Amino acid sequence: MESVESNMTTEPLQKPKDQRIIKQVADWAYDCNSPALGTGSFGIVFKGWEIKNPRNFVAIKLIPKTYISKSSTRHLQAALKEIEVLRQLKGEHLLEFRDAVRSSSGNIYIITAYCEEGNLRTYVMKQGGTLSVRKALQILTQIAQALCDINLKNRTGEKIAVMHRDIKPENILMKEGKAILADFGFAKFVLDDTKGQLRDQTKLGTVAYMSPQLLKLAPYSFKCDIWAMGVVTYELIFGKRPWDGPTSFALVQKTGSQPLVFPKSIPKVVEDLLRSMLEYEEDKRADWETILTHPAMEEFGLIAGKGDVKTNKQNIDVAEVITIQTDQPKADAEGEKKLKSSDTISTKDETNEQKIDGGKVVLINNDLPKADPEVERKLKPLYTNDKKTVKILEES
């Protein structure tokens, strides 16, 4: 008798090799067991699709509720900021925003275009660890063009610039050979006329790509992005960064004391371009316009045309305070039972979801109770012995 009980309790835990666990998030779905496209500080990205059109692939970024709890308001604000920036910006080299949903369990999902070639680091590794000088400069041109030609205005008609503040290979995606700038969680809107002013701003980003000013916790401007893209471009050409160090202190010491060296021969105009981007002092560092018109770009036939980055017509208020609604009732047992028994694809997500609109959360189906946060955790281990079975989980 004891032996029978043991088999009954362990057998459901034996997950079939080709078992798929499909999770529905509003109009979208993804396979929970598929390899992640990428991970970051605030979330994990899966390949997904539109339920009404399964051939319409998308990237679904899951930001778990554990990252956006009341004790982690910085993470929540970063998620909402990324949504707001992506919603505002549209362009050939900017990640295309599709949708944003907050489930009643507290998870936030950001749905964007799917970039089939992965991030820049993966792309370069597949090319053998480095790119040709021309391809590296082409990627630089595309990112510079994307940030240079942004045409946002605030409510008083003043032009707005965007500081990305976390440019690195993992945040540049590749699609059909073109570079796409992504992950705007650390981005900041600033007045274009004052973007070059040194400001005592939040120090954030990825240490290896931080400018000396960020590493020293000193005031900085939008030129922190120039430095980061300079490091990225150098890395694309030579397969390593110009300076490295075990700590931020060691790294800033090296950038201030060790000259920029080039491990292999490249055209002098390209050396000059990299030096201009990796100037220690901000006032000597190039800006995006200078990069786009640099003789190196002309030599490689990469002088970019203007106007290929577009935005929607909405004006934005850079001082707008973003709030989010959290006081919703808890689910009853009936609602939980319905979620557990879901085993077919539906084009309607029956859970209590929230649509994120312009950085604010709008509650959908307000008459539905909030789902038990434990439901999602309980559903995931439910496997069957039928290898052809596809379990469908609606986000709770």
Protein backbone atom coordinates (compact mmCIF):
# COMPACT_ATOMS: atom_id res chain seq x y z
CA MET A 1 0.00 0.00 0.00
CA GLU A 2 2.79 2.38 0.87
CA SER A 3 4.50 1.54 -2.39
CA VAL A 4 1.39 2.45 -4.39
CA GLU A 5 1.08 5.82 -2.65
CA SER A 6 4.71 6.57 -3.40
CA ASN A 7 4.23 5.95 -7.11
CA MET A 8 1.12 8.12 -7.21
CA THR A 9 2.87 11.06 -5.61
CA THR A 10 6.04 10.92 -7.66
CA GLU A 11 4.64 10.08 -11.10
CA PRO A 12 3.07 13.52 -11.81
CA LEU A 13 6.45 15.12 -11.15
CA GLN A 14 8.01 13.26 -14.08
CA LYS A 15 7.68 15.86 -16.76
CA PRO A 16 7.50 14.51 -20.34
CA LYS A 17 10.40 15.71 -22.46
CA ASP A 18 8.18 17.37 -25.05
CA GLN A 19 5.58 18.67 -22.60
CA ARG A 20 4.68 22.28 -23.34
CA ILE A 21 3.24 24.63 -20.74
CA ILE A 22 1.58 27.48 -22.61
CA LYS A 23 0.74 30.59 -20.66
CA GLN A 24 -1.76 33.14 -21.92
CA VAL A 25 -1.29 36.83 -21.18
CA ALA A 26 -4.19 38.84 -22.55
CA ASP A 27 -3.95 38.53 -26.38
CA TRP A 28 -0.54 36.84 -26.25
CA ALA A 29 0.93 33.50 -25.24
CA TYR A 30 4.30 31.86 -24.61
CA ASP A 31 5.76 28.49 -23.66
CA CYS A 32 6.93 28.55 -20.03
CA ASN A 33 9.39 25.73 -20.71
CA SER A 34 11.02 27.26 -23.78
CA PRO A 35 14.57 28.66 -23.45
CA ALA A 36 14.57 32.31 -22.47
CA LEU A 37 15.64 34.81 -25.11
CA GLY A 38 17.45 36.75 -22.43
CA THR A 39 17.51 37.81 -18.80
CA GLY A 40 18.18 41.12 -17.14
CA SER A 41 18.16 42.87 -13.80
CA PHE A 42 14.38 43.13 -13.75
CA GLY A 43 12.99 40.31 -15.83
CA ILE A 44 13.22 37.45 -18.25
CA VAL A 45 12.27 37.51 -21.95
CA PHE A 46 10.46 34.68 -23.77
CA LYS A 47 9.54 34.18 -27.40
CA GLY A 48 5.76 34.41 -27.71
CA TRP A 49 3.02 34.85 -30.26
CA GLU A 50 -0.31 36.52 -30.84
CA ILE A 51 -3.15 34.11 -30.05
CA LYS A 52 -5.27 35.20 -33.01
CA ASN A 53 -2.28 34.93 -35.34
CA PRO A 54 0.25 32.35 -34.05
CA ARG A 55 2.71 33.23 -36.82
CA ASN A 56 3.00 36.75 -35.44
CA PHE A 57 5.94 36.19 -33.09
CA VAL A 58 6.71 38.65 -30.31
CA ALA A 59 9.06 38.97 -27.36
CA ILE A 60 7.35 38.83 -23.96
CA LYS A 61 9.29 40.32 -21.08
CA LEU A 62 8.11 38.99 -17.72
CA ILE A 63 8.85 41.19 -14.73
CA PRO A 64 7.83 39.06 -11.73
CA LYS A 65 5.83 40.50 -8.88
CA THR A 66 8.74 39.74 -6.55
CA TYR A 67 10.72 42.47 -8.32
CA ILE A 68 7.99 45.06 -8.17
CA SER A 69 6.76 44.63 -4.61
CA LYS A 70 6.25 47.61 -2.33
CA SER A 71 9.81 47.12 -1.07
CA SER A 72 11.16 47.44 -4.62
CA THR A 73 9.47 50.56 -5.95
CA ARG A 74 12.60 51.37 -7.97
CA HIS A 75 12.02 48.24 -10.03
CA LEU A 76 8.37 49.11 -10.59
CA GLN A 77 9.26 52.61 -11.72
CA ALA A 78 11.91 51.21 -14.07
CA ALA A 79 9.32 48.89 -15.64
CA LEU A 80 6.79 51.68 -16.09
CA LYS A 81 9.46 53.99 -17.45
CA GLU A 82 10.47 51.41 -20.04
CA ILE A 83 6.83 51.05 -21.09
CA GLU A 84 6.41 54.80 -21.40
CA VAL A 85 9.59 55.29 -23.44
CA LEU A 86 8.82 52.37 -25.77
CA ARG A 87 5.28 53.65 -26.24
CA GLN A 88 6.53 57.08 -27.25
CA LEU A 89 9.34 56.11 -29.59
CA LYS A 90 8.94 54.55 -33.01
CA GLY A 91 11.75 54.06 -35.47
CA GLU A 92 13.65 51.60 -37.58
CA HIS A 93 16.32 51.09 -34.93
CA LEU A 94 14.17 51.32 -31.80
CA LEU A 95 12.42 48.30 -30.33
CA GLU A 96 8.79 48.25 -31.43
CA PHE A 97 6.27 48.30 -28.58
CA ARG A 98 3.17 46.12 -28.92
CA ASP A 99 1.41 45.89 -25.55
CA ALA A 100 1.81 45.99 -21.77
CA VAL A 101 -0.22 44.04 -19.23
CA ARG A 102 -0.18 43.77 -15.47
CA SER A 103 -1.82 40.62 -14.17
CA SER A 104 -3.86 40.58 -11.00
CA SER A 105 -1.12 38.55 -9.34
CA GLY A 106 1.21 41.53 -9.81
CA ASN A 107 3.42 40.41 -12.72
CA ILE A 108 4.09 42.95 -15.47
CA TYR A 109 4.45 41.84 -19.09
CA ILE A 110 5.96 44.03 -21.82
CA ILE A 111 5.25 42.75 -25.32
CA THR A 112 7.54 43.95 -28.10
CA ALA A 113 8.65 42.95 -31.58
CA TYR A 114 10.64 39.74 -31.87
CA CYS A 115 14.24 40.12 -33.06
CA GLU A 116 15.18 36.73 -34.46
CA GLU A 117 18.99 37.22 -34.37
CA GLY A 118 19.12 37.80 -30.62
CA ASN A 119 21.17 40.41 -28.82
CA LEU A 120 24.39 41.90 -30.14
CA ARG A 121 26.64 39.79 -27.93
CA THR A 122 25.07 36.56 -29.21
CA TYR A 123 25.21 37.88 -32.77
CA VAL A 124 28.93 38.69 -32.50
CA MET A 125 29.78 35.32 -30.95
CA LYS A 126 28.14 33.60 -33.92
CA GLN A 127 30.39 35.68 -36.20
CA GLY A 128 33.50 34.43 -34.42
CA GLY A 129 33.81 37.02 -31.63
CA THR A 130 34.42 40.17 -33.70
CA LEU A 131 32.88 42.08 -36.59
CA SER A 132 34.43 43.87 -39.53
CA VAL A 133 35.22 47.53 -38.98
CA ARG A 134 32.50 48.48 -41.45
CA LYS A 135 29.83 46.36 -39.74
CA ALA A 136 30.81 47.73 -36.32
CA LEU A 137 30.54 51.30 -37.62
CA GLN A 138 27.23 50.48 -39.28
CA ILE A 139 25.80 49.36 -35.92
CA LEU A 140 27.22 52.49 -34.28
CA THR A 141 25.57 54.63 -36.96
CA GLN A 142 22.20 52.96 -36.46
CA ILE A 143 22.24 53.46 -32.68
CA ALA A 144 23.50 57.03 -33.00
CA GLN A 145 20.83 57.79 -35.59
CA ALA A 146 18.12 56.33 -33.37
CA LEU A 147 19.04 58.54 -30.40
CA CYS A 148 20.00 61.63 -32.43
CA ASP A 149 16.80 61.94 -34.44
CA ILE A 150 14.26 61.46 -31.67
CA ASN A 151 11.57 64.09 -32.11
CA LEU A 152 9.73 64.30 -28.81
CA LYS A 153 8.34 67.48 -27.33
CA ASN A 154 6.95 68.21 -23.90
CA ARG A 155 3.63 69.92 -23.31
CA THR A 156 5.14 73.36 -23.72
CA GLY A 157 6.63 72.46 -27.10
CA GLU A 158 10.24 72.09 -25.98
CA LYS A 159 12.26 69.32 -27.62
CA ILE A 160 13.05 66.32 -25.44
CA ALA A 161 16.12 64.08 -25.64
CA VAL A 162 16.43 60.58 -24.24
CA MET A 163 19.37 59.37 -22.18
CA HIS A 164 19.42 55.57 -22.34
CA ARG A 165 21.99 55.09 -19.55
CA ASP A 166 22.48 51.36 -20.04
CA ILE A 167 23.86 50.84 -23.55
CA LYS A 168 25.65 47.49 -23.82
CA PRO A 169 25.63 44.54 -26.25
CA GLU A 170 22.84 42.80 -24.33
CA ASN A 171 20.56 45.82 -24.83
CA ILE A 172 21.10 46.02 -28.58
CA LEU A 173 19.08 43.47 -30.53
CA MET A 174 19.63 42.33 -34.09
CA LYS A 175 16.93 41.87 -36.70
CA GLU A 176 17.68 41.21 -40.37
CA GLY A 177 21.21 42.49 -39.81
CA LYS A 178 20.05 45.79 -38.31
CA ALA A 179 20.69 47.03 -34.79
CA ILE A 180 17.67 47.68 -32.55
CA LEU A 181 18.09 49.60 -29.29
CA ALA A 182 16.13 48.02 -26.43
CA ASP A 183 15.68 47.98 -22.63
CA PHE A 184 14.83 51.55 -21.66
CA GLY A 185 14.33 50.76 -17.96
CA PHE A 186 17.07 53.23 -16.95
CA ALA A 187 16.20 55.87 -19.56
CA LYS A 188 15.59 59.49 -18.70
CA PHE A 189 13.87 62.30 -20.57
CA VAL A 190 15.76 65.61 -20.54
CA LEU A 191 15.32 68.89 -22.35
CA ASP A 192 17.34 68.76 -25.56
CA ASP A 193 18.78 72.25 -24.98
CA THR A 194 20.21 71.19 -21.61
CA LYS A 195 21.14 67.56 -22.31
CA GLY A 196 24.83 68.46 -22.34
CA GLN A 197 24.77 70.01 -18.87
CA LEU A 198 26.50 68.04 -16.15
CA ARG A 199 23.92 67.06 -13.56
CA ASP A 200 24.06 65.24 -10.25
CA GLN A 201 21.83 62.37 -11.41
CA THR A 202 21.15 58.81 -10.34
CA LYS A 203 24.18 56.60 -10.87
CA LEU A 204 23.12 53.45 -12.68
CA GLY A 205 23.98 51.19 -15.59
CA THR A 206 26.43 48.34 -16.16
CA VAL A 207 29.88 48.98 -14.67
CA ALA A 208 31.93 47.80 -17.68
CA TYR A 209 30.17 50.37 -19.91
CA MET A 210 29.88 53.24 -17.43
CA SER A 211 31.63 56.51 -18.20
CA PRO A 212 34.32 57.75 -15.78
CA GLN A 213 31.86 60.30 -14.42
CA LEU A 214 29.38 57.57 -13.50
CA LEU A 215 32.11 55.43 -11.98
CA LYS A 216 33.30 58.38 -9.86
CA LEU A 217 29.71 59.22 -8.82
CA ALA A 218 30.23 62.64 -10.41
CA PRO A 219 27.73 64.78 -12.36
CA TYR A 220 27.22 63.59 -15.95
CA SER A 221 25.17 64.27 -19.09
CA PHE A 222 23.82 62.39 -22.11
CA LYS A 223 27.44 61.79 -23.11
CA CYS A 224 27.48 58.81 -20.78
CA ASP A 225 25.74 57.06 -23.71
CA ILE A 226 28.51 58.15 -26.10
CA TRP A 227 31.12 56.55 -23.84
CA ALA A 228 29.10 53.32 -23.53
CA MET A 229 28.64 53.07 -27.29
CA GLY A 230 32.35 53.77 -27.75
CA VAL A 231 33.16 50.79 -25.51
CA VAL A 232 30.65 48.65 -27.44
CA THR A 233 32.13 49.65 -30.83
CA TYR A 234 35.68 48.97 -29.65
CA GLU A 235 34.56 45.57 -28.37
CA LEU A 236 32.90 44.71 -31.69
CA ILE A 237 36.13 45.38 -33.57
CA PHE A 238 38.70 43.93 -31.18
CA GLY A 239 36.75 41.30 -29.23
CA LYS A 240 37.49 42.88 -25.87
CA ARG A 241 36.82 46.12 -24.01
CA PRO A 242 39.44 48.91 -23.94
CA TRP A 243 39.68 48.77 -20.14
CA ASP A 244 38.56 46.24 -17.57
CA GLY A 245 38.77 46.00 -13.82
CA PRO A 246 37.44 43.84 -10.97
CA THR A 247 35.74 46.85 -9.33
CA SER A 248 34.37 50.21 -10.42
CA PHE A 249 37.24 51.91 -8.56
CA ALA A 250 39.86 49.83 -10.41
CA LEU A 251 38.15 50.50 -13.72
CA VAL A 252 37.99 54.27 -13.29
CA GLN A 253 41.66 54.27 -12.27
CA LYS A 254 42.57 52.49 -15.51
CA THR A 255 40.48 54.77 -17.73
CA GLY A 256 42.21 57.78 -16.19
CA SER A 257 45.76 56.48 -16.29
CA GLN A 258 46.09 53.97 -19.15
CA PRO A 259 46.01 55.29 -22.73
CA LEU A 260 43.64 53.87 -25.30
CA VAL A 261 45.45 51.24 -27.36
CA PHE A 262 44.41 49.35 -30.48
CA PRO A 263 45.34 45.62 -30.55
CA LYS A 264 45.31 45.45 -34.35
CA SER A 265 45.66 47.85 -37.23
CA ILE A 266 42.56 49.80 -38.21
CA PRO A 267 42.19 52.95 -40.34
CA LYS A 268 43.42 56.11 -38.62
CA VAL A 269 40.05 57.79 -39.07
CA VAL A 270 38.41 54.95 -37.09
CA GLU A 271 41.04 55.31 -34.37
CA ASP A 272 40.20 59.01 -34.25
CA LEU A 273 36.48 58.28 -33.99
CA LEU A 274 36.96 55.84 -31.10
CA ARG A 275 39.26 58.27 -29.29
CA SER A 276 36.64 61.01 -29.62
CA MET A 277 33.97 58.77 -28.09
CA LEU A 278 36.22 57.57 -25.27
CA GLU A 279 37.52 60.95 -24.12
CA TYR A 280 37.84 60.92 -20.33
CA GLU A 281 36.38 64.43 -19.90
CA GLU A 282 32.82 64.96 -21.14
CA ASP A 283 33.46 68.39 -22.64
CA LYS A 284 36.01 66.82 -25.02
CA ARG A 285 33.84 63.81 -25.89
CA ALA A 286 31.99 63.66 -29.22
CA ASP A 287 28.22 63.99 -29.50
CA TRP A 288 25.85 61.96 -31.71
CA GLU A 289 25.84 64.52 -34.52
CA THR A 290 29.64 64.58 -34.64
CA ILE A 291 29.74 60.78 -34.79
CA LEU A 292 27.25 60.61 -37.66
CA THR A 293 29.25 63.08 -39.76
CA HIS A 294 32.72 61.83 -38.81
CA PRO A 295 35.18 61.18 -41.69
CA ALA A 296 35.26 57.50 -40.67
CA MET A 297 31.60 57.20 -41.60
CA GLU A 298 32.22 58.89 -44.91
CA GLU A 299 35.18 56.62 -45.66
CA PHE A 300 33.00 53.53 -45.17
CA GLY A 301 29.97 55.01 -46.99
CA LEU A 302 27.88 55.26 -43.82
CA ILE A 303 26.85 58.90 -43.69
CA ALA A 304 23.30 58.47 -42.40
CA GLY A 305 20.26 60.22 -43.75
CA LYS A 306 18.08 62.15 -41.36
CA GLY A 307 14.52 61.40 -40.43
CA ASP A 308 14.46 57.61 -40.19
CA VAL A 309 13.45 57.66 -36.54
CA LYS A 310 9.85 58.60 -35.93
CA THR A 311 7.73 59.12 -32.85
CA ASN A 312 4.02 59.33 -32.32
CA LYS A 313 2.35 62.71 -32.08
CA GLN A 314 1.81 62.61 -28.34
CA ASN A 315 3.61 65.19 -26.25
CA ILE A 316 4.97 64.06 -22.92
CA ASP A 317 5.41 65.65 -19.54
CA VAL A 318 8.84 64.71 -18.22
CA ALA A 319 7.77 65.59 -14.68
CA GLU A 320 4.63 63.47 -14.72
CA VAL A 321 4.25 61.24 -11.67
CA ILE A 322 3.31 57.65 -12.47
CA THR A 323 1.00 55.84 -10.08
CA ILE A 324 -0.25 52.29 -10.05
CA GLN A 325 -3.39 50.71 -8.64
CA THR A 326 -2.94 47.85 -6.18
CA ASP A 327 -6.02 47.75 -3.93
CA GLN A 328 -8.07 44.99 -5.52
CA PRO A 329 -10.10 42.28 -3.77
CA LYS A 330 -8.85 38.72 -3.44
CA ALA A 331 -10.22 35.80 -5.47
CA ASP A 332 -12.83 33.44 -4.13
CA ALA A 333 -12.53 29.64 -4.36
CA GLU A 334 -14.78 29.52 -7.43
CA GLY A 335 -12.48 31.76 -9.44
CA GLU A 336 -9.44 29.75 -8.41
CA LYS A 337 -11.09 26.49 -9.48
CA LYS A 338 -11.83 27.92 -12.92
CA LEU A 339 -8.19 28.86 -13.40
CA LYS A 340 -6.96 25.42 -12.40
CA SER A 341 -9.20 23.64 -14.88
CA SER A 342 -8.15 25.72 -17.87
CA ASP A 343 -6.79 23.35 -20.53
CA THR A 344 -7.72 24.83 -23.88
CA ILE A 345 -6.56 27.85 -25.79
CA SER A 346 -8.92 30.79 -25.57
CA THR A 347 -8.59 34.11 -27.32
CA LYS A 348 -10.03 35.70 -24.20
CA ASP A 349 -7.94 35.89 -21.03
CA GLU A 350 -10.49 35.37 -18.26
CA THR A 351 -8.22 36.56 -15.48
CA ASN A 352 -8.38 39.99 -13.92
CA GLU A 353 -5.75 41.79 -15.97
CA GLN A 354 -4.67 45.40 -16.12
CA LYS A 355 -3.79 47.21 -19.30
CA ILE A 356 -0.95 49.67 -18.85
CA ASP A 357 -1.79 52.87 -20.65
CA GLY A 358 0.74 55.67 -20.93
CA GLY A 359 2.57 54.62 -17.77
CA LYS A 360 -0.65 54.28 -15.77
CA VAL A 361 -2.52 51.11 -15.03
CA VAL A 362 -6.13 50.80 -16.15
CA LEU A 363 -8.12 47.97 -14.61
CA ILE A 364 -9.92 45.74 -17.11
CA ASN A 365 -12.99 43.68 -16.13
CA ASN A 366 -13.22 45.48 -12.83
CA ASP A 367 -16.08 43.24 -11.68
CA LEU A 368 -13.78 40.19 -11.55
CA PRO A 369 -12.11 39.36 -8.23
CA LYS A 370 -8.34 39.31 -7.91
CA ALA A 371 -6.82 35.88 -8.42
CA ASP A 372 -4.98 34.18 -5.61
CA PRO A 373 -1.24 34.88 -6.14
CA GLU A 374 -0.56 31.26 -5.23
CA VAL A 375 -2.54 29.94 -8.21
CA GLU A 376 0.27 30.56 -10.67
CA ARG A 377 2.77 28.74 -8.48
CA LYS A 378 0.41 25.77 -8.01
CA LEU A 379 -0.37 25.44 -11.69
CA LYS A 380 3.17 25.21 -13.03
CA PRO A 381 4.01 21.73 -11.65
CA LEU A 382 0.85 20.14 -13.06
CA TYR A 383 2.07 17.85 -15.82
CA THR A 384 0.35 14.88 -17.46
CA ASN A 385 1.68 11.59 -18.75
CA ASP A 386 0.32 12.24 -22.24
CA LYS A 387 3.29 13.56 -24.22
CA LYS A 388 0.97 15.20 -26.74
CA THR A 389 -0.86 17.19 -24.09
CA VAL A 390 -0.38 20.94 -24.08
CA LYS A 391 -1.32 22.57 -20.80
CA ILE A 392 -2.66 26.11 -21.14
CA LEU A 393 -2.16 28.39 -18.16
CA GLU A 394 -3.93 31.71 -18.03
CA GLU A 395 -1.93 34.27 -16.10
CA SER A 396 -3.33 34.80 -12.62
